[in-house]
């Protein structure tokens, strides 16, 4: 079995991690997408 993992020492990895962290930090400023998803999602016990 082979397991491929990213090289966490690479500059590309650091840039992508920083980009994603910035997106998470600004998540509260975004639209109400999560509220919409929760509104249209049926609870598991009702299916």
N, C-alpha and C. Protein backbone atom coordinates (compact mmCIF):
# COMPACT_ATOMS: atom_id res chain seq x y z
N UNK A 1 0.84 -1.16 0.00
CA UNK A 1 0.00 0.00 0.00
C UNK A 1 0.89 1.23 0.00
N UNK A 2 0.53 2.19 -0.82
CA UNK A 2 1.23 3.47 -0.83
C UNK A 2 0.28 4.55 -0.36
N UNK A 3 0.81 5.46 0.41
CA UNK A 3 0.03 6.60 0.86
C UNK A 3 0.77 7.85 0.41
N UNK A 4 0.09 8.68 -0.35
CA UNK A 4 0.68 9.92 -0.85
C UNK A 4 0.25 11.06 0.06
N UNK A 5 1.21 11.83 0.50
CA UNK A 5 0.91 12.97 1.35
C UNK A 5 1.62 14.20 0.78
N UNK A 6 1.09 15.39 1.02
CA UNK A 6 1.75 16.59 0.50
C UNK A 6 3.06 16.85 1.23
N UNK A 7 3.97 17.51 0.54
CA UNK A 7 5.24 17.92 1.15
C UNK A 7 4.99 19.21 1.91
N UNK A 8 4.84 19.11 3.22
CA UNK A 8 4.49 20.28 4.03
C UNK A 8 5.63 21.28 4.13
N UNK A 9 6.79 20.94 3.60
CA UNK A 9 7.93 21.86 3.62
C UNK A 9 8.00 22.72 2.36
N UNK A 10 7.15 22.44 1.38
CA UNK A 10 7.24 23.16 0.11
C UNK A 10 6.58 24.54 0.21
N UNK A 11 7.06 25.46 -0.62
CA UNK A 11 6.49 26.81 -0.67
C UNK A 11 5.05 26.77 -1.17
N UNK A 12 4.77 25.90 -2.11
CA UNK A 12 3.41 25.79 -2.65
C UNK A 12 2.42 25.36 -1.56
N UNK A 13 2.83 24.42 -0.72
CA UNK A 13 1.97 23.99 0.37
C UNK A 13 1.71 25.15 1.33
N UNK A 14 2.75 25.90 1.68
CA UNK A 14 2.61 27.02 2.60
C UNK A 14 1.66 28.07 2.02
N UNK A 15 1.78 28.35 0.74
CA UNK A 15 0.90 29.34 0.10
C UNK A 15 -0.56 28.87 0.12
N UNK A 16 -0.78 27.61 -0.18
CA UNK A 16 -2.15 27.08 -0.19
C UNK A 16 -2.73 27.04 1.22
N UNK A 17 -1.92 26.68 2.21
CA UNK A 17 -2.39 26.68 3.59
C UNK A 17 -2.77 28.09 4.04
N UNK A 18 -1.97 29.07 3.65
CA UNK A 18 -2.26 30.46 3.99
C UNK A 18 -3.54 30.93 3.30
N UNK A 19 -3.71 30.56 2.04
CA UNK A 19 -4.91 30.94 1.29
C UNK A 19 -6.17 30.37 1.96
N UNK A 20 -6.12 29.08 2.32
CA UNK A 20 -7.27 28.45 2.94
C UNK A 20 -7.55 29.01 4.33
N UNK A 21 -6.50 29.32 5.08
CA UNK A 21 -6.68 29.90 6.40
C UNK A 21 -7.35 31.27 6.30
N UNK A 22 -6.98 32.05 5.30
CA UNK A 22 -7.60 33.36 5.10
C UNK A 22 -9.07 33.21 4.75
N UNK A 23 -9.41 32.21 3.96
CA UNK A 23 -10.81 31.97 3.62
C UNK A 23 -11.62 31.61 4.86
N UNK A 24 -11.07 30.77 5.71
CA UNK A 24 -11.75 30.38 6.94
C UNK A 24 -11.91 31.59 7.86
N UNK A 25 -10.88 32.42 7.94
CA UNK A 25 -10.94 33.59 8.81
C UNK A 25 -12.02 34.56 8.36
N UNK A 26 -12.30 34.61 7.06
CA UNK A 26 -13.31 35.52 6.53
C UNK A 26 -14.67 34.85 6.36
N UNK A 27 -14.85 33.66 6.83
CA UNK A 27 -16.08 32.90 6.61
C UNK A 27 -17.31 33.64 7.15
N UNK A 28 -17.18 34.32 8.27
CA UNK A 28 -18.32 35.04 8.84
C UNK A 28 -18.76 36.22 7.98
N UNK A 29 -17.87 36.71 7.14
CA UNK A 29 -18.19 37.84 6.29
C UNK A 29 -18.93 37.41 5.02
N UNK A 30 -18.95 36.14 4.76
CA UNK A 30 -19.55 35.63 3.53
C UNK A 30 -21.06 35.56 3.65
N UNK A 31 -21.70 35.14 2.58
CA UNK A 31 -23.16 35.04 2.55
C UNK A 31 -23.65 33.96 3.50
N UNK A 32 -24.94 33.81 3.54
CA UNK A 32 -25.57 32.86 4.44
C UNK A 32 -25.70 31.48 3.81
N UNK A 33 -24.67 31.01 3.14
CA UNK A 33 -24.73 29.71 2.47
C UNK A 33 -25.02 28.58 3.44
N UNK A 34 -24.37 28.60 4.60
CA UNK A 34 -24.57 27.52 5.56
C UNK A 34 -26.00 27.51 6.08
N UNK A 35 -26.57 28.68 6.30
CA UNK A 35 -27.96 28.74 6.76
C UNK A 35 -28.89 28.14 5.72
N UNK A 36 -28.61 28.39 4.44
CA UNK A 36 -29.42 27.82 3.36
C UNK A 36 -29.30 26.30 3.35
N UNK A 37 -28.09 25.79 3.46
CA UNK A 37 -27.87 24.34 3.46
C UNK A 37 -28.63 23.69 4.61
N UNK A 38 -28.55 24.28 5.78
CA UNK A 38 -29.25 23.73 6.93
C UNK A 38 -30.77 23.80 6.77
N UNK A 39 -31.25 24.84 6.10
CA UNK A 39 -32.69 24.99 5.90
C UNK A 39 -33.26 23.94 4.95
N UNK A 40 -32.50 23.51 3.98
CA UNK A 40 -33.01 22.56 2.98
C UNK A 40 -32.58 21.12 3.25
N UNK A 41 -31.88 20.90 4.33
CA UNK A 41 -31.40 19.56 4.66
C UNK A 41 -32.33 18.92 5.67
N UNK A 42 -32.76 17.71 5.36
CA UNK A 42 -33.63 16.97 6.28
C UNK A 42 -32.78 16.28 7.34
N UNK A 43 -33.23 16.30 8.59
CA UNK A 43 -32.51 15.56 9.62
C UNK A 43 -32.48 14.07 9.28
N UNK A 44 -31.45 13.37 9.71
CA UNK A 44 -31.27 11.95 9.38
C UNK A 44 -32.45 11.11 9.83
N UNK A 45 -33.02 11.42 10.97
CA UNK A 45 -34.09 10.57 11.49
C UNK A 45 -35.43 10.77 10.79
N UNK A 46 -35.53 11.72 9.87
CA UNK A 46 -36.77 11.96 9.14
C UNK A 46 -36.76 11.36 7.74
N UNK A 47 -35.67 10.74 7.35
CA UNK A 47 -35.60 10.15 6.00
C UNK A 47 -36.18 8.76 5.99
